[in-house]
Amino acid sequence: MKYIYNLAFKMSISATIALILANLINVQFSSVAAVIAILSIQDTKKKALIIGRNRIFACIIAIFLSFMVYKVLGQNPITFGLFLLMFIPLTSRLRISEGMVPAVVLSTHLLVATDIGLYWIINELLIMIIGIGIASIANLFMPSLHSEFNKDKEYIEKSYKVILTKMSKSLLTCSVDRDEEKIIREIEKRLNESLERAYKISNNYLMKSNSYYLDYINMRKNQFDIIKKLRSHFEKFYMSFEQTYMISKFTKNVADQIKDENDCKELLENLEILKLGFKEMALPKTREEFENRAQLLQFLNDMEDLLRIKRNFVSTYNLYSSNN
């Protein structure tokens, strides 16, 4: 059953059925119906619907435009060129360029026809209907990517926890783990793969819009940018203060609560308490202390951005309202 979701399998089956059906009803140039079916197979339902619609419009326009041009000016290479001069800009203006190539192929059938009439118009319309129609049925069978997406979520959250936990330790040791760069590269790769999956899931909803999957990954990508900013601060940390230990403890607390169901409300409240506590502490005594303390404060501000990104995402979707 899983083969029905494979693009190559769907192209092969669609082309075969389109060719058989076209031959059964004695359509001329029946193999073109198979080619159109192949071209109309897509990887999401919404994309298939848009491209299928555009190809139908383009083919209808091409058939009737060809009929008028060839009937009035004759069937020769010059009139074919004139047809293209009118048709190609028209598809661009109407934003139906996806249908240009199969539509031009249908036009060439009229170009070489011995007598252009109703028969040939119907013939070309049947080629279009069979090719796009069979592909449209095949495009209804799309794989469910929800389980893979959930694995992506689990991996991303687990990796963020690992990175933030390492940061909480690095704050105290003023050093960065050797494998941290490797983890960062792996996260970035997985985020890009997850974004592609989220796009496909969102575009497989035809009757309603569902942008949750894309918004979730974009939220995590925005957090990832903040995580890279957080890491950059360690190039300038070289002293430890009481505030360092407090921020380290808070960072570990964030790492432990990085899960999807956390709305970050309590973490943001704790962060504000932490900031107020810093204001009441003694001022730095040296320039070096001042610069390092300022870097710690910027680290904390970036951590706040990390949490607010998640908080805003939760608020947008009104998720976990019992926690708010």
C-alpha atoms as a PDB file:
ATOM      1  CA  MET A   1       0.000   0.000   0.000  1.00  0.00           C
ATOM      2  CA  LYS A   2       2.871   2.396   0.708  1.00  0.00           C
ATOM      3  CA  TYR A   3       3.856   2.356  -2.983  1.00  0.00           C
ATOM      4  CA  ILE A   4       0.722   4.343  -3.848  1.00  0.00           C
ATOM      5  CA  TYR A   5       2.334   7.375  -2.183  1.00  0.00           C
ATOM      6  CA  ASN A   6       5.557   7.114  -4.199  1.00  0.00           C
ATOM      7  CA  LEU A   7       5.836   9.819  -6.874  1.00  0.00           C
ATOM      8  CA  ALA A   8       7.486   7.530  -9.444  1.00  0.00           C
ATOM      9  CA  PHE A   9       4.819   4.874  -8.877  1.00  0.00           C
ATOM     10  CA  LYS A  10       1.999   7.411  -9.223  1.00  0.00           C
ATOM     11  CA  MET A  11       3.542   8.822 -12.406  1.00  0.00           C
ATOM     12  CA  SER A  12       3.850   5.349 -13.924  1.00  0.00           C
ATOM     13  CA  ILE A  13       0.321   4.252 -13.022  1.00  0.00           C
ATOM     14  CA  SER A  14      -1.260   7.572 -14.037  1.00  0.00           C
ATOM     15  CA  ALA A  15       0.517   7.610 -17.392  1.00  0.00           C
ATOM     16  CA  THR A  16      -0.459   3.995 -18.103  1.00  0.00           C
ATOM     17  CA  ILE A  17      -4.140   4.513 -17.212  1.00  0.00           C
ATOM     18  CA  ALA A  18      -4.281   7.775 -19.178  1.00  0.00           C
ATOM     19  CA  LEU A  19      -2.805   6.093 -22.249  1.00  0.00           C
ATOM     20  CA  ILE A  20      -5.164   3.093 -22.026  1.00  0.00           C
ATOM     21  CA  LEU A  21      -8.215   5.319 -21.564  1.00  0.00           C
ATOM     22  CA  ALA A  22      -7.220   7.616 -24.432  1.00  0.00           C
ATOM     23  CA  ASN A  23      -6.729   4.613 -26.721  1.00  0.00           C
ATOM     24  CA  LEU A  24     -10.091   3.126 -25.697  1.00  0.00           C
ATOM     25  CA  ILE A  25     -11.948   6.197 -26.911  1.00  0.00           C
ATOM     26  CA  ASN A  26      -9.738   6.529 -30.022  1.00  0.00           C
ATOM     27  CA  VAL A  27      -8.131   9.831 -29.119  1.00  0.00           C
ATOM     28  CA  GLN A  28      -5.480  10.978 -31.599  1.00  0.00           C
ATOM     29  CA  PHE A  29      -1.991  11.579 -30.115  1.00  0.00           C
ATOM     30  CA  SER A  30      -3.072   9.554 -27.072  1.00  0.00           C
ATOM     31  CA  SER A  31       0.482   9.369 -25.712  1.00  0.00           C
ATOM     32  CA  VAL A  32       0.325  13.103 -24.927  1.00  0.00           C
ATOM     33  CA  ALA A  33      -2.387  12.368 -22.345  1.00  0.00           C
ATOM     34  CA  ALA A  34       0.153  10.109 -20.587  1.00  0.00           C
ATOM     35  CA  VAL A  35       2.796  12.843 -20.659  1.00  0.00           C
ATOM     36  CA  ILE A  36       0.369  15.427 -19.233  1.00  0.00           C
ATOM     37  CA  ALA A  37      -0.542  12.965 -16.477  1.00  0.00           C
ATOM     38  CA  ILE A  38       3.134  12.578 -15.559  1.00  0.00           C
ATOM     39  CA  LEU A  39       3.676  16.348 -15.504  1.00  0.00           C
ATOM     40  CA  SER A  40       0.596  16.834 -13.314  1.00  0.00           C
ATOM     41  CA  ILE A  41       1.733  14.549 -10.478  1.00  0.00           C
ATOM     42  CA  GLN A  42       2.798  16.724  -7.519  1.00  0.00           C
ATOM     43  CA  ASP A  43       3.980  16.198  -3.943  1.00  0.00           C
ATOM     44  CA  THR A  44       1.141  18.091  -2.191  1.00  0.00           C
ATOM     45  CA  LYS A  45      -2.611  18.273  -2.787  1.00  0.00           C
ATOM     46  CA  LYS A  46      -2.766  22.065  -2.803  1.00  0.00           C
ATOM     47  CA  LYS A  47       0.097  22.380  -5.278  1.00  0.00           C
ATOM     48  CA  ALA A  48      -1.526  19.726  -7.482  1.00  0.00           C
ATOM     49  CA  LEU A  49      -4.853  21.584  -7.395  1.00  0.00           C
ATOM     50  CA  ILE A  50      -3.278  24.925  -8.359  1.00  0.00           C
ATOM     51  CA  ILE A  51      -1.118  23.482 -11.142  1.00  0.00           C
ATOM     52  CA  GLY A  52      -3.990  21.349 -12.468  1.00  0.00           C
ATOM     53  CA  ARG A  53      -6.271  24.401 -12.603  1.00  0.00           C
ATOM     54  CA  ASN A  54      -3.599  26.484 -14.360  1.00  0.00           C
ATOM     55  CA  ARG A  55      -2.972  23.760 -16.928  1.00  0.00           C
ATOM     56  CA  ILE A  56      -6.668  23.465 -17.720  1.00  0.00           C
ATOM     57  CA  PHE A  57      -6.958  27.206 -18.318  1.00  0.00           C
ATOM     58  CA  ALA A  58      -3.756  27.291 -20.374  1.00  0.00           C
ATOM     59  CA  CYS A  59      -4.800  24.328 -22.526  1.00  0.00           C
ATOM     60  CA  ILE A  60      -8.281  25.708 -23.205  1.00  0.00           C
ATOM     61  CA  ILE A  61      -6.839  29.085 -24.192  1.00  0.00           C
ATOM     62  CA  ALA A  62      -4.206  27.431 -26.411  1.00  0.00           C
ATOM     63  CA  ILE A  63      -6.735  25.205 -28.190  1.00  0.00           C
ATOM     64  CA  PHE A  64      -9.108  28.031 -29.122  1.00  0.00           C
ATOM     65  CA  LEU A  65      -6.356  30.549 -29.853  1.00  0.00           C
ATOM     66  CA  SER A  66      -4.652  27.992 -32.129  1.00  0.00           C
ATOM     67  CA  PHE A  67      -7.945  27.284 -33.878  1.00  0.00           C
ATOM     68  CA  MET A  68      -8.483  30.985 -34.662  1.00  0.00           C
ATOM     69  CA  VAL A  69      -4.884  31.685 -35.741  1.00  0.00           C
ATOM     70  CA  TYR A  70      -4.469  28.590 -37.916  1.00  0.00           C
ATOM     71  CA  LYS A  71      -7.953  28.864 -39.399  1.00  0.00           C
ATOM     72  CA  VAL A  72      -7.463  32.488 -40.442  1.00  0.00           C
ATOM     73  CA  LEU A  73      -3.741  32.621 -41.298  1.00  0.00           C
ATOM     74  CA  GLY A  74      -3.030  29.020 -42.214  1.00  0.00           C
ATOM     75  CA  GLN A  75      -0.984  26.197 -40.752  1.00  0.00           C
ATOM     76  CA  ASN A  76       2.722  26.856 -41.135  1.00  0.00           C
ATOM     77  CA  PRO A  77       5.806  27.629 -39.020  1.00  0.00           C
ATOM     78  CA  ILE A  78       5.175  31.389 -39.281  1.00  0.00           C
ATOM     79  CA  THR A  79       1.660  31.163 -37.824  1.00  0.00           C
ATOM     80  CA  PHE A  80       2.942  28.829 -35.127  1.00  0.00           C
ATOM     81  CA  GLY A  81       5.461  31.516 -34.189  1.00  0.00           C
ATOM     82  CA  LEU A  82       2.682  34.123 -34.132  1.00  0.00           C
ATOM     83  CA  PHE A  83       0.640  31.862 -31.867  1.00  0.00           C
ATOM     84  CA  LEU A  84       3.592  31.582 -29.464  1.00  0.00           C
ATOM     85  CA  LEU A  85       4.120  35.364 -29.492  1.00  0.00           C
ATOM     86  CA  MET A  86       0.545  35.794 -28.278  1.00  0.00           C
ATOM     87  CA  PHE A  87       0.213  32.752 -26.044  1.00  0.00           C
ATOM     88  CA  ILE A  88       3.454  32.805 -23.991  1.00  0.00           C
ATOM     89  CA  PRO A  89       3.058  36.404 -22.701  1.00  0.00           C
ATOM     90  CA  LEU A  90      -0.612  35.657 -22.013  1.00  0.00           C
ATOM     91  CA  THR A  91       0.221  32.710 -19.745  1.00  0.00           C
ATOM     92  CA  SER A  92       2.683  34.898 -17.875  1.00  0.00           C
ATOM     93  CA  ARG A  93       0.156  37.715 -17.456  1.00  0.00           C
ATOM     94  CA  LEU A  94      -2.541  35.290 -16.264  1.00  0.00           C
ATOM     95  CA  ARG A  95      -0.018  33.475 -14.020  1.00  0.00           C
ATOM     96  CA  ILE A  96      -0.684  30.094 -15.595  1.00  0.00           C
ATOM     97  CA  SER A  97       2.833  29.429 -16.914  1.00  0.00           C
ATOM     98  CA  GLU A  98       2.762  25.865 -15.526  1.00  0.00           C
ATOM     99  CA  GLY A  99       0.362  24.975 -18.327  1.00  0.00           C
ATOM    100  CA  MET A 100       2.381  26.514 -21.146  1.00  0.00           C
ATOM    101  CA  VAL A 101       4.346  23.439 -22.303  1.00  0.00           C
ATOM    102  CA  PRO A 102       1.463  20.903 -22.499  1.00  0.00           C
ATOM    103  CA  ALA A 103      -0.748  23.595 -24.046  1.00  0.00           C
ATOM    104  CA  VAL A 104       1.829  24.280 -26.790  1.00  0.00           C
ATOM    105  CA  VAL A 105       2.021  20.549 -27.511  1.00  0.00           C
ATOM    106  CA  LEU A 106      -1.763  20.482 -27.996  1.00  0.00           C
ATOM    107  CA  SER A 107      -1.428  23.460 -30.339  1.00  0.00           C
ATOM    108  CA  THR A 108       1.043  21.532 -32.521  1.00  0.00           C
ATOM    109  CA  HIS A 109      -1.609  18.866 -33.068  1.00  0.00           C
ATOM    110  CA  LEU A 110      -3.869  21.491 -34.651  1.00  0.00           C
ATOM    111  CA  LEU A 111      -0.893  22.810 -36.599  1.00  0.00           C
ATOM    112  CA  VAL A 112      -0.422  19.479 -38.423  1.00  0.00           C
ATOM    113  CA  ALA A 113      -4.083  18.483 -38.626  1.00  0.00           C
ATOM    114  CA  THR A 114      -5.406  17.996 -42.170  1.00  0.00           C
ATOM    115  CA  ASP A 115      -8.656  19.798 -41.468  1.00  0.00           C
ATOM    116  CA  ILE A 116      -9.135  21.874 -38.333  1.00  0.00           C
ATOM    117  CA  GLY A 117     -12.686  21.505 -37.043  1.00  0.00           C
ATOM    118  CA  LEU A 118     -14.813  20.523 -34.082  1.00  0.00           C
ATOM    119  CA  TYR A 119     -13.352  17.005 -34.105  1.00  0.00           C
ATOM    120  CA  TRP A 120      -9.846  18.258 -33.363  1.00  0.00           C
ATOM    121  CA  ILE A 121     -10.995  20.687 -30.696  1.00  0.00           C
ATOM    122  CA  ILE A 122     -12.801  17.845 -28.906  1.00  0.00           C
ATOM    123  CA  ASN A 123      -9.769  15.586 -29.389  1.00  0.00           C
ATOM    124  CA  GLU A 124      -7.428  18.078 -27.704  1.00  0.00           C
ATOM    125  CA  LEU A 125      -9.901  18.739 -24.889  1.00  0.00           C
ATOM    126  CA  LEU A 126     -10.138  15.000 -24.249  1.00  0.00           C
ATOM    127  CA  ILE A 127      -6.329  14.693 -24.077  1.00  0.00           C
ATOM    128  CA  MET A 128      -6.280  17.475 -21.493  1.00  0.00           C
ATOM    129  CA  ILE A 129      -9.171  16.075 -19.437  1.00  0.00           C
ATOM    130  CA  ILE A 130      -7.781  12.533 -19.390  1.00  0.00           C
ATOM    131  CA  GLY A 131      -4.217  13.548 -18.513  1.00  0.00           C
ATOM    132  CA  ILE A 132      -5.057  16.077 -15.803  1.00  0.00           C
ATOM    133  CA  GLY A 133      -8.077  14.108 -14.548  1.00  0.00           C
ATOM    134  CA  ILE A 134      -6.185  10.854 -13.961  1.00  0.00           C
ATOM    135  CA  ALA A 135      -3.315  12.729 -12.283  1.00  0.00           C
ATOM    136  CA  SER A 136      -5.784  14.594 -10.050  1.00  0.00           C
ATOM    137  CA  ILE A 137      -7.156  11.293  -8.754  1.00  0.00           C
ATOM    138  CA  ALA A 138      -3.628  10.027  -8.093  1.00  0.00           C
ATOM    139  CA  ASN A 139      -2.754  13.269  -6.299  1.00  0.00           C
ATOM    140  CA  LEU A 140      -5.453  12.550  -3.724  1.00  0.00           C
ATOM    141  CA  PHE A 141      -3.190   9.822  -2.319  1.00  0.00           C
ATOM    142  CA  MET A 142      -0.565  11.638  -0.271  1.00  0.00           C
ATOM    143  CA  PRO A 143       1.532  10.132   2.539  1.00  0.00           C
ATOM    144  CA  SER A 144       0.797  11.223   6.089  1.00  0.00           C
ATOM    145  CA  LEU A 145       3.888  12.970   7.419  1.00  0.00           C
ATOM    146  CA  HIS A 146       2.524  13.657  10.897  1.00  0.00           C
ATOM    147  CA  SER A 147       4.483  10.875  12.597  1.00  0.00           C
ATOM    148  CA  GLU A 148       7.740  12.077  10.991  1.00  0.00           C
ATOM    149  CA  PHE A 149       6.895  15.627  12.037  1.00  0.00           C
ATOM    150  CA  ASN A 150       6.329  14.517  15.623  1.00  0.00           C
ATOM    151  CA  LYS A 151       9.736  12.825  15.560  1.00  0.00           C
ATOM    152  CA  ASP A 152      11.208  16.088  14.323  1.00  0.00           C
ATOM    153  CA  LYS A 153       9.594  17.954  17.212  1.00  0.00           C
ATOM    154  CA  GLU A 154      10.947  15.461  19.718  1.00  0.00           C
ATOM    155  CA  TYR A 155      14.449  15.642  18.232  1.00  0.00           C
ATOM    156  CA  ILE A 156      14.502  19.452  18.121  1.00  0.00           C
ATOM    157  CA  GLU A 157      13.270  19.841  21.699  1.00  0.00           C
ATOM    158  CA  LYS A 158      15.727  17.248  22.968  1.00  0.00           C
ATOM    159  CA  SER A 159      18.608  18.918  21.107  1.00  0.00           C
ATOM    160  CA  TYR A 160      17.691  22.367  22.430  1.00  0.00           C
ATOM    161  CA  LYS A 161      17.686  20.930  25.918  1.00  0.00           C
ATOM    162  CA  VAL A 162      21.165  19.470  25.378  1.00  0.00           C
ATOM    163  CA  ILE A 163      22.546  22.771  24.051  1.00  0.00           C
ATOM    164  CA  LEU A 164      21.031  24.887  26.835  1.00  0.00           C
ATOM    165  CA  THR A 165      22.222  22.428  29.482  1.00  0.00           C
ATOM    166  CA  LYS A 166      25.738  22.685  28.080  1.00  0.00           C
ATOM    167  CA  MET A 167      25.441  26.477  28.176  1.00  0.00           C
ATOM    168  CA  SER A 168      24.454  26.420  31.838  1.00  0.00           C
ATOM    169  CA  LYS A 169      27.660  24.486  32.569  1.00  0.00           C
ATOM    170  CA  SER A 170      29.775  26.646  30.266  1.00  0.00           C
ATOM    171  CA  LEU A 171      28.696  29.761  32.177  1.00  0.00           C
ATOM    172  CA  LEU A 172      30.484  28.378  35.213  1.00  0.00           C
ATOM    173  CA  THR A 173      33.520  26.911  33.459  1.00  0.00           C
ATOM    174  CA  CYS A 174      33.934  29.733  30.859  1.00  0.00           C
ATOM    175  CA  SER A 175      34.512  27.055  28.220  1.00  0.00           C
ATOM    176  CA  VAL A 176      32.519  25.486  25.389  1.00  0.00           C
ATOM    177  CA  ASP A 177      32.090  21.730  24.830  1.00  0.00           C
ATOM    178  CA  ARG A 178      33.958  20.354  21.815  1.00  0.00           C
ATOM    179  CA  ASP A 179      30.895  18.591  20.356  1.00  0.00           C
ATOM    180  CA  GLU A 180      28.633  21.654  20.574  1.00  0.00           C
ATOM    181  CA  GLU A 181      29.382  22.822  17.031  1.00  0.00           C
ATOM    182  CA  LYS A 182      28.500  19.396  15.653  1.00  0.00           C
ATOM    183  CA  ILE A 183      25.173  19.420  17.499  1.00  0.00           C
ATOM    184  CA  ILE A 184      24.398  22.883  16.129  1.00  0.00           C
ATOM    185  CA  ARG A 185      25.024  21.726  12.537  1.00  0.00           C
ATOM    186  CA  GLU A 186      22.819  18.665  13.035  1.00  0.00           C
ATOM    187  CA  ILE A 187      19.996  20.790  14.468  1.00  0.00           C
ATOM    188  CA  GLU A 188      20.180  23.208  11.543  1.00  0.00           C
ATOM    189  CA  LYS A 189      19.983  20.339   9.053  1.00  0.00           C
ATOM    190  CA  ARG A 190      17.006  18.774  10.846  1.00  0.00           C
ATOM    191  CA  LEU A 191      15.191  22.128  11.026  1.00  0.00           C
ATOM    192  CA  ASN A 192      15.483  22.547   7.261  1.00  0.00           C
ATOM    193  CA  GLU A 193      14.199  19.009   6.680  1.00  0.00           C
ATOM    194  CA  SER A 194      11.345  19.606   9.133  1.00  0.00           C
ATOM    195  CA  LEU A 195      10.393  22.833   7.370  1.00  0.00           C
ATOM    196  CA  GLU A 196      10.009  20.924   4.104  1.00  0.00           C
ATOM    197  CA  ARG A 197       7.840  18.314   5.845  1.00  0.00           C
ATOM    198  CA  ALA A 198       5.750  21.023   7.518  1.00  0.00           C
ATOM    199  CA  TYR A 199       5.217  22.670   4.137  1.00  0.00           C
ATOM    200  CA  LYS A 200       3.935  19.408   2.645  1.00  0.00           C
ATOM    201  CA  ILE A 201       1.619  18.710   5.598  1.00  0.00           C
ATOM    202  CA  SER A 202       0.137  22.224   5.481  1.00  0.00           C
ATOM    203  CA  ASN A 203      -0.375  22.029   1.718  1.00  0.00           C
ATOM    204  CA  ASN A 204      -2.181  18.695   1.933  1.00  0.00           C
ATOM    205  CA  TYR A 205      -5.158  20.439   3.574  1.00  0.00           C
ATOM    206  CA  LEU A 206      -7.575  21.429   0.787  1.00  0.00           C
ATOM    207  CA  MET A 207     -10.786  22.358   2.579  1.00  0.00           C
ATOM    208  CA  LYS A 208      -9.198  24.349   5.394  1.00  0.00           C
ATOM    209  CA  SER A 209      -6.012  26.224   6.133  1.00  0.00           C
ATOM    210  CA  ASN A 210      -3.663  24.719   8.692  1.00  0.00           C
ATOM    211  CA  SER A 211      -0.443  26.647   9.189  1.00  0.00           C
ATOM    212  CA  TYR A 212       0.347  25.213  12.638  1.00  0.00           C
ATOM    213  CA  TYR A 213       3.113  22.942  11.344  1.00  0.00           C
ATOM    214  CA  LEU A 214       4.881  25.684   9.415  1.00  0.00           C
ATOM    215  CA  ASP A 215       4.467  28.162  12.271  1.00  0.00           C
ATOM    216  CA  TYR A 216       5.845  25.668  14.780  1.00  0.00           C
ATOM    217  CA  ILE A 217       9.012  25.029  12.778  1.00  0.00           C
ATOM    218  CA  ASN A 218       9.462  28.739  12.046  1.00  0.00           C
ATOM    219  CA  MET A 219       9.131  29.386  15.769  1.00  0.00           C
ATOM    220  CA  ARG A 220      11.844  26.820  16.495  1.00  0.00           C
ATOM    221  CA  LYS A 221      14.020  28.270  13.708  1.00  0.00           C
ATOM    222  CA  ASN A 222      13.696  31.712  15.279  1.00  0.00           C
ATOM    223  CA  GLN A 223      14.653  30.219  18.626  1.00  0.00           C
ATOM    224  CA  PHE A 224      17.605  28.534  16.954  1.00  0.00           C
ATOM    225  CA  ASP A 225      18.856  31.933  15.768  1.00  0.00           C
ATOM    226  CA  ILE A 226      18.664  33.132  19.370  1.00  0.00           C
ATOM    227  CA  ILE A 227      20.525  30.034  20.575  1.00  0.00           C
ATOM    228  CA  LYS A 228      23.363  30.857  18.183  1.00  0.00           C
ATOM    229  CA  LYS A 229      23.418  34.393  19.596  1.00  0.00           C
ATOM    230  CA  LEU A 230      23.569  32.970  23.109  1.00  0.00           C
ATOM    231  CA  ARG A 231      26.565  30.850  22.122  1.00  0.00           C
ATOM    232  CA  SER A 232      28.376  33.879  20.706  1.00  0.00           C
ATOM    233  CA  HIS A 233      28.480  35.480  24.177  1.00  0.00           C
ATOM    234  CA  PHE A 234      30.840  32.791  25.430  1.00  0.00           C
ATOM    235  CA  GLU A 235      33.613  34.268  23.309  1.00  0.00           C
ATOM    236  CA  LYS A 236      33.579  37.258  25.704  1.00  0.00           C
ATOM    237  CA  PHE A 237      32.888  35.614  29.072  1.00  0.00           C
ATOM    238  CA  TYR A 238      36.052  35.353  31.145  1.00  0.00           C
ATOM    239  CA  MET A 239      34.965  36.062  34.731  1.00  0.00           C
ATOM    240  CA  SER A 240      32.422  34.548  37.097  1.00  0.00           C
ATOM    241  CA  PHE A 241      30.181  36.508  39.432  1.00  0.00           C
ATOM    242  CA  GLU A 242      27.235  35.785  41.674  1.00  0.00           C
ATOM    243  CA  GLN A 243      25.037  36.705  38.710  1.00  0.00           C
ATOM    244  CA  THR A 244      26.797  34.067  36.602  1.00  0.00           C
ATOM    245  CA  TYR A 245      25.698  31.307  38.948  1.00  0.00           C
ATOM    246  CA  MET A 246      22.155  32.643  39.024  1.00  0.00           C
ATOM    247  CA  ILE A 247      21.940  32.823  35.207  1.00  0.00           C
ATOM    248  CA  SER A 248      23.471  29.355  34.942  1.00  0.00           C
ATOM    249  CA  LYS A 249      20.771  27.970  37.226  1.00  0.00           C
ATOM    250  CA  PHE A 250      18.069  29.773  35.249  1.00  0.00           C
ATOM    251  CA  THR A 251      19.463  28.482  31.933  1.00  0.00           C
ATOM    252  CA  LYS A 252      19.330  24.924  33.274  1.00  0.00           C
ATOM    253  CA  ASN A 253      15.731  25.543  34.332  1.00  0.00           C
ATOM    254  CA  VAL A 254      14.879  26.691  30.779  1.00  0.00           C
ATOM    255  CA  ALA A 255      16.580  23.595  29.354  1.00  0.00           C
ATOM    256  CA  ASP A 256      14.479  21.333  31.578  1.00  0.00           C
ATOM    257  CA  GLN A 257      11.242  23.016  30.413  1.00  0.00           C
ATOM    258  CA  ILE A 258      11.931  23.311  26.688  1.00  0.00           C
ATOM    259  CA  LYS A 259       9.084  20.904  25.874  1.00  0.00           C
ATOM    260  CA  ASP A 260       6.282  21.843  23.515  1.00  0.00           C
ATOM    261  CA  GLU A 261       3.596  22.001  26.208  1.00  0.00           C
ATOM    262  CA  ASN A 262       5.381  24.748  28.182  1.00  0.00           C
ATOM    263  CA  ASP A 263       3.856  28.205  27.668  1.00  0.00           C
ATOM    264  CA  CYS A 264       6.933  29.928  29.223  1.00  0.00           C
ATOM    265  CA  LYS A 265       4.758  32.167  31.428  1.00  0.00           C
ATOM    266  CA  GLU A 266       6.396  31.083  34.684  1.00  0.00           C
ATOM    267  CA  LEU A 267       9.891  31.184  33.166  1.00  0.00           C
ATOM    268  CA  LEU A 268       9.369  34.766  31.988  1.00  0.00           C
ATOM    269  CA  GLU A 269       8.132  35.748  35.433  1.00  0.00           C
ATOM    270  CA  ASN A 270      11.208  34.178  37.040  1.00  0.00           C
ATOM    271  CA  LEU A 271      13.438  35.972  34.538  1.00  0.00           C
ATOM    272  CA  GLU A 272      11.895  39.323  35.491  1.00  0.00           C
ATOM    273  CA  ILE A 273      12.505  38.568  39.186  1.00  0.00           C
ATOM    274  CA  LEU A 274      16.104  37.718  38.295  1.00  0.00           C
ATOM    275  CA  LYS A 275      16.571  41.051  36.512  1.00  0.00           C
ATOM    276  CA  LEU A 276      15.116  43.006  39.443  1.00  0.00           C
ATOM    277  CA  GLY A 277      17.477  41.174  41.791  1.00  0.00           C
ATOM    278  CA  PHE A 278      20.469  42.150  39.662  1.00  0.00           C
ATOM    279  CA  LYS A 279      19.542  45.838  39.960  1.00  0.00           C
ATOM    280  CA  GLU A 280      19.797  45.629  43.730  1.00  0.00           C
ATOM    281  CA  MET A 281      23.286  44.090  43.698  1.00  0.00           C
ATOM    282  CA  ALA A 282      26.496  46.045  44.131  1.00  0.00           C
ATOM    283  CA  LEU A 283      27.868  47.798  41.038  1.00  0.00           C
ATOM    284  CA  PRO A 284      30.991  46.480  39.276  1.00  0.00           C
ATOM    285  CA  LYS A 285      34.267  47.803  40.717  1.00  0.00           C
ATOM    286  CA  THR A 286      36.457  47.545  37.576  1.00  0.00           C
ATOM    287  CA  ARG A 287      36.072  48.060  33.848  1.00  0.00           C
ATOM    288  CA  GLU A 288      36.571  44.316  33.257  1.00  0.00           C
ATOM    289  CA  GLU A 289      33.809  43.488  35.727  1.00  0.00           C
ATOM    290  CA  PHE A 290      31.522  46.036  34.091  1.00  0.00           C
ATOM    291  CA  GLU A 291      32.070  44.623  30.592  1.00  0.00           C
ATOM    292  CA  ASN A 292      31.585  41.027  31.718  1.00  0.00           C
ATOM    293  CA  ARG A 293      28.461  41.945  33.728  1.00  0.00           C
ATOM    294  CA  ALA A 294      27.072  43.763  30.677  1.00  0.00           C
ATOM    295  CA  GLN A 295      27.663  40.637  28.570  1.00  0.00           C
ATOM    296  CA  LEU A 296      25.794  38.556  31.138  1.00  0.00           C
ATOM    297  CA  LEU A 297      22.878  40.969  30.997  1.00  0.00           C
ATOM    298  CA  GLN A 298      22.795  40.732  27.186  1.00  0.00           C
ATOM    299  CA  PHE A 299      22.826  36.945  27.513  1.00  0.00           C
ATOM    300  CA  LEU A 300      19.790  37.211  29.782  1.00  0.00           C
ATOM    301  CA  ASN A 301      18.025  39.584  27.359  1.00  0.00           C
ATOM    302  CA  ASP A 302      18.567  37.081  24.535  1.00  0.00           C
ATOM    303  CA  MET A 303      17.218  34.338  26.774  1.00  0.00           C
ATOM    304  CA  GLU A 304      14.113  36.462  27.274  1.00  0.00           C
ATOM    305  CA  ASP A 305      13.718  36.731  23.476  1.00  0.00           C
ATOM    306  CA  LEU A 306      14.001  32.938  23.258  1.00  0.00           C
ATOM    307  CA  LEU A 307      11.143  32.513  25.714  1.00  0.00           C
ATOM    308  CA  ARG A 308       8.938  35.235  24.255  1.00  0.00           C
ATOM    309  CA  ILE A 309       9.106  33.632  20.813  1.00  0.00           C
ATOM    310  CA  LYS A 310       7.572  30.485  22.301  1.00  0.00           C
ATOM    311  CA  ARG A 311       5.117  32.457  24.438  1.00  0.00           C
ATOM    312  CA  ASN A 312       3.837  34.337  21.385  1.00  0.00           C
ATOM    313  CA  PHE A 313       3.462  31.085  19.444  1.00  0.00           C
ATOM    314  CA  VAL A 314       1.378  29.551  22.237  1.00  0.00           C
ATOM    315  CA  SER A 315      -0.762  32.700  22.498  1.00  0.00           C
ATOM    316  CA  THR A 316      -1.380  32.746  18.733  1.00  0.00           C
ATOM    317  CA  TYR A 317      -2.820  29.250  18.745  1.00  0.00           C
ATOM    318  CA  ASN A 318      -4.385  29.576  22.209  1.00  0.00           C
ATOM    319  CA  LEU A 319      -2.665  26.332  23.157  1.00  0.00           C
ATOM    320  CA  TYR A 320      -2.532  24.945  26.663  1.00  0.00           C
ATOM    321  CA  SER A 321      -4.899  27.631  27.927  1.00  0.00           C
ATOM    322  CA  SER A 322      -5.136  25.785  31.245  1.00  0.00           C
ATOM    323  CA  ASN A 323      -1.509  26.777  31.892  1.00  0.00           C
ATOM    324  CA  ASN A 324      -2.050  30.511  31.197  1.00  0.00           C
END
